[in-house]
Amino acid sequence: MQSPALGAGSGKAAPGASSALTEIYNVTHKTNVTSIARMYVTKTSFMTVPELEAAMRTANGGKQDNFFNKGDAVAIPGFLTEPIVEKPVPIAKDAEMRGIYLTGYTAGSLRGNELIRRWRAAGGNAVVFDVKDFDGLLTVPFDHPLAPTRRPLISNLPKFARFLHSQGLHAVARIALFRDAYQAENHSQMAVRSRRTGQAWRENGKLAWVDPS
């Protein structure tokens, strides 16, 4: 069930997001507020779970305690009516880039959002963030048989890119390709092998590589 969007309180929605409504979630068993926010955050205009949780508390009568009970009708503000589609922003060839690097953990967090705003205020114009690191783990949703299975740190990549663009920042996704410990360890046929041991070769005894050939 959906109704016109209610006030978002202290939460911050992604600027320029698609038309949003308020979704009603009917609770089937006692559930904490954070769990419901985590379940819905990718479907809303809010960037992080804490921001959506704050907005939910405001939209549900200034809720103070941490649980909704069976039978409660919970208002979920900022529910997106359609997926966000974000396009690349052209960059002049001679543009001067002033960037900051964020790990996936930071980029997908409330602290990361605050750092991004502070970087823009300080004169920055670009943010580099991890999509895939040397360990082979992904920070964004990716449906592929070889992809690691875990909750993505950046739950909605188009929404994150739109947030960066709304701040006047260029979005730079960092993707480590062939240095990939996860694939080398879980799909050994893909690994670069040591001539001496026949096992996956590790650079300086640490992370492994996969064979690009």
Protein backbone atom coordinates (compact mmCIF):
# COMPACT_ATOMS: atom_id res chain seq x y z
CA MET A 1 0.00 0.00 0.00
CA GLN A 2 1.29 3.44 -0.83
CA SER A 3 0.34 7.01 0.05
CA PRO A 4 1.83 10.45 -0.68
CA ALA A 5 5.23 10.85 0.95
CA LEU A 6 5.39 12.04 4.54
CA GLY A 7 8.09 14.30 5.97
CA ALA A 8 11.51 12.70 6.12
CA GLY A 9 12.61 14.26 9.41
CA SER A 10 16.36 14.32 9.96
CA GLY A 11 17.06 11.77 7.23
CA LYS A 12 18.49 12.95 3.92
CA ALA A 13 17.14 11.63 0.65
CA ALA A 14 19.20 11.46 -2.52
CA PRO A 15 18.59 14.75 -4.37
CA GLY A 16 16.93 14.39 -7.74
CA ALA A 17 15.62 10.93 -6.90
CA SER A 18 12.67 9.49 -8.76
CA SER A 19 9.15 10.30 -7.61
CA ALA A 20 8.69 8.84 -4.13
CA LEU A 21 5.69 7.79 -2.06
CA THR A 22 5.20 6.42 1.43
CA GLU A 23 4.94 2.64 1.49
CA ILE A 24 3.01 0.87 4.26
CA TYR A 25 4.65 -2.23 5.72
CA ASN A 26 2.35 -4.50 7.74
CA VAL A 27 4.30 -6.15 10.55
CA THR A 28 3.73 -9.92 10.89
CA HIS A 29 5.85 -10.39 14.03
CA LYS A 30 7.73 -8.19 16.48
CA THR A 31 10.53 -6.56 14.48
CA ASN A 32 13.07 -3.87 15.32
CA VAL A 33 13.15 -0.58 13.44
CA THR A 34 16.66 -1.11 12.07
CA SER A 35 15.73 -4.44 10.48
CA ILE A 36 12.82 -2.88 8.61
CA ALA A 37 14.98 0.06 7.50
CA ARG A 38 17.66 -2.35 6.25
CA MET A 39 15.03 -4.30 4.33
CA TYR A 40 13.72 -1.17 2.57
CA VAL A 41 16.71 1.18 2.16
CA THR A 42 17.55 0.08 -1.40
CA LYS A 43 13.96 0.82 -2.42
CA THR A 44 13.88 4.34 -1.01
CA SER A 45 15.47 7.69 -1.78
CA PHE A 46 17.51 7.56 1.46
CA MET A 47 21.21 6.85 1.21
CA THR A 48 21.83 4.82 4.38
CA VAL A 49 19.99 2.68 6.92
CA PRO A 50 20.45 5.23 9.77
CA GLU A 51 18.98 8.02 7.60
CA LEU A 52 15.95 5.92 6.64
CA GLU A 53 15.52 4.77 10.25
CA ALA A 54 15.45 8.40 11.46
CA ALA A 55 12.89 9.27 8.78
CA MET A 56 10.76 6.24 9.71
CA ARG A 57 10.68 7.30 13.35
CA THR A 58 9.45 10.76 12.34
CA ALA A 59 6.90 9.37 9.87
CA ASN A 60 5.52 7.02 12.53
CA GLY A 61 4.60 9.59 15.14
CA GLY A 62 8.07 10.30 16.49
CA LYS A 63 8.61 6.69 17.55
CA GLN A 64 11.04 6.40 20.48
CA ASP A 65 11.29 2.66 21.20
CA ASN A 66 13.06 0.20 18.92
CA PHE A 67 10.34 -2.29 17.98
CA PHE A 68 7.16 -2.51 15.95
CA ASN A 69 4.66 -5.17 17.00
CA LYS A 70 2.60 -7.66 15.03
CA GLY A 71 -0.28 -5.88 13.29
CA ASP A 72 1.42 -2.46 13.17
CA ALA A 73 1.21 -0.56 9.88
CA VAL A 74 4.63 1.06 9.43
CA ALA A 75 5.05 4.08 7.16
CA ILE A 76 8.18 3.81 4.98
CA PRO A 77 8.90 7.33 3.62
CA GLY A 78 10.73 8.02 0.37
CA PHE A 79 9.66 4.79 -1.36
CA LEU A 80 10.81 4.95 -4.99
CA THR A 81 8.14 4.35 -7.63
CA GLU A 82 10.71 3.45 -10.29
CA PRO A 83 14.40 2.49 -10.40
CA ILE A 84 16.95 5.31 -10.49
CA VAL A 85 18.79 5.55 -13.81
CA GLU A 86 21.89 7.75 -13.64
CA LYS A 87 23.97 8.72 -16.67
CA PRO A 88 27.69 9.58 -16.89
CA VAL A 89 28.65 13.23 -16.49
CA PRO A 90 31.12 14.42 -19.18
CA ILE A 91 34.52 15.67 -18.01
CA ALA A 92 36.71 18.09 -19.96
CA LYS A 93 40.03 16.56 -21.05
CA ASP A 94 42.01 19.25 -19.25
CA ALA A 95 39.89 19.20 -16.08
CA GLU A 96 41.77 19.27 -12.78
CA MET A 97 40.58 16.49 -10.50
CA ARG A 98 40.68 16.90 -6.72
CA GLY A 99 39.57 13.56 -5.40
CA ILE A 100 39.20 11.64 -2.17
CA TYR A 101 39.33 7.83 -1.91
CA LEU A 102 36.73 5.90 0.09
CA THR A 103 36.66 2.18 0.77
CA GLY A 104 33.38 0.40 0.15
CA TYR A 105 32.76 0.26 3.90
CA THR A 106 33.09 4.03 4.21
CA ALA A 107 31.30 4.94 0.98
CA GLY A 108 28.20 2.98 2.00
CA SER A 109 28.02 4.43 5.51
CA LEU A 110 26.54 7.50 7.17
CA ARG A 111 30.08 8.67 7.97
CA GLY A 112 30.97 8.31 4.29
CA ASN A 113 28.06 10.54 3.27
CA GLU A 114 29.24 13.16 5.75
CA LEU A 115 32.82 12.94 4.44
CA ILE A 116 31.57 13.40 0.88
CA ARG A 117 29.68 16.56 1.82
CA ARG A 118 32.71 17.89 3.72
CA TRP A 119 35.00 17.11 0.79
CA ARG A 120 32.74 19.05 -1.56
CA ALA A 121 32.66 21.98 0.88
CA ALA A 122 36.48 21.91 1.00
CA GLY A 123 36.71 22.29 -2.77
CA GLY A 124 36.90 18.66 -3.91
CA ASN A 125 35.30 17.63 -7.19
CA ALA A 126 35.71 13.84 -7.33
CA VAL A 127 35.22 10.74 -5.20
CA VAL A 128 36.96 7.42 -5.89
CA PHE A 129 35.20 4.47 -4.25
CA ASP A 130 35.69 0.71 -4.27
CA VAL A 131 33.39 -1.45 -6.35
CA LYS A 132 35.78 -4.42 -6.24
CA ASP A 133 38.96 -4.60 -4.17
CA PHE A 134 42.07 -6.85 -4.24
CA ASP A 135 40.35 -9.37 -1.98
CA GLY A 136 37.80 -9.98 -4.76
CA LEU A 137 34.83 -8.90 -2.67
CA LEU A 138 32.20 -6.66 -4.27
CA THR A 139 30.72 -3.62 -2.58
CA VAL A 140 27.67 -3.34 -4.89
CA PRO A 141 24.90 -5.80 -5.86
CA PHE A 142 26.04 -8.04 -8.72
CA ASP A 143 24.10 -11.10 -9.85
CA HIS A 144 26.61 -13.57 -11.28
CA PRO A 145 27.43 -17.21 -10.46
CA LEU A 146 31.06 -16.30 -9.65
CA ALA A 147 30.23 -13.29 -7.51
CA PRO A 148 30.83 -13.51 -3.73
CA THR A 149 27.65 -13.67 -1.68
CA ARG A 150 27.36 -11.01 1.00
CA ARG A 151 25.25 -7.97 1.81
CA PRO A 152 26.47 -5.15 -0.47
CA LEU A 153 28.03 -2.18 1.29
CA ILE A 154 26.71 0.23 -1.36
CA SER A 155 23.17 -1.08 -1.68
CA ASN A 156 22.07 0.98 -4.70
CA LEU A 157 24.87 2.07 -7.06
CA PRO A 158 22.76 4.36 -9.32
CA LYS A 159 21.44 6.15 -6.22
CA PHE A 160 24.98 6.59 -4.88
CA ALA A 161 26.19 7.96 -8.24
CA ARG A 162 23.26 10.38 -8.34
CA PHE A 163 24.09 11.56 -4.83
CA LEU A 164 27.69 12.28 -5.89
CA HIS A 165 26.55 14.09 -9.03
CA SER A 166 24.07 16.16 -7.00
CA GLN A 167 27.01 17.33 -4.89
CA GLY A 168 28.88 18.44 -8.02
CA LEU A 169 31.31 15.52 -7.69
CA HIS A 170 32.60 13.14 -10.33
CA ALA A 171 32.03 9.47 -9.48
CA VAL A 172 35.08 7.24 -10.03
CA ALA A 173 34.52 3.52 -9.44
CA ARG A 174 37.68 1.58 -8.53
CA ILE A 175 37.66 -2.02 -9.78
CA ALA A 176 40.61 -4.32 -9.12
CA LEU A 177 40.51 -6.89 -11.93
CA PHE A 178 43.07 -9.70 -11.89
CA ARG A 179 44.38 -9.38 -8.36
CA ASP A 180 41.48 -11.31 -6.89
CA ALA A 181 41.99 -13.45 -3.80
CA TYR A 182 38.38 -14.67 -3.70
CA GLN A 183 38.36 -16.14 -7.22
CA ALA A 184 41.87 -17.59 -6.86
CA GLU A 185 40.91 -19.35 -3.63
CA ASN A 186 37.39 -20.45 -4.56
CA HIS A 187 37.96 -21.21 -8.26
CA SER A 188 41.53 -22.50 -8.26
CA GLN A 189 41.49 -23.25 -12.00
CA MET A 190 41.51 -19.47 -12.57
CA ALA A 191 44.56 -18.75 -10.40
CA VAL A 192 48.08 -17.89 -11.52
CA ARG A 193 50.04 -20.88 -10.24
CA SER A 194 53.46 -21.17 -8.70
CA ARG A 195 55.90 -23.24 -10.81
CA ARG A 196 57.49 -24.48 -7.60
CA THR A 197 54.43 -25.60 -5.63
CA GLY A 198 51.68 -25.82 -8.23
CA GLN A 199 49.48 -23.86 -5.85
CA ALA A 200 48.07 -20.37 -6.32
CA TRP A 201 50.97 -17.91 -6.58
CA ARG A 202 50.85 -15.14 -4.01
CA GLU A 203 52.60 -11.82 -4.42
CA ASN A 204 54.91 -11.42 -1.41
CA GLY A 205 53.05 -14.33 0.17
CA LYS A 206 49.83 -12.35 0.37
CA LEU A 207 46.98 -11.83 -2.09
CA ALA A 208 46.66 -14.07 -5.13
CA TRP A 209 46.06 -13.26 -8.78
CA VAL A 210 43.86 -14.84 -11.44
CA ASP A 211 45.19 -15.59 -14.93
CA PRO A 212 43.93 -13.06 -17.53
CA SER A 213 44.77 -15.46 -20.37
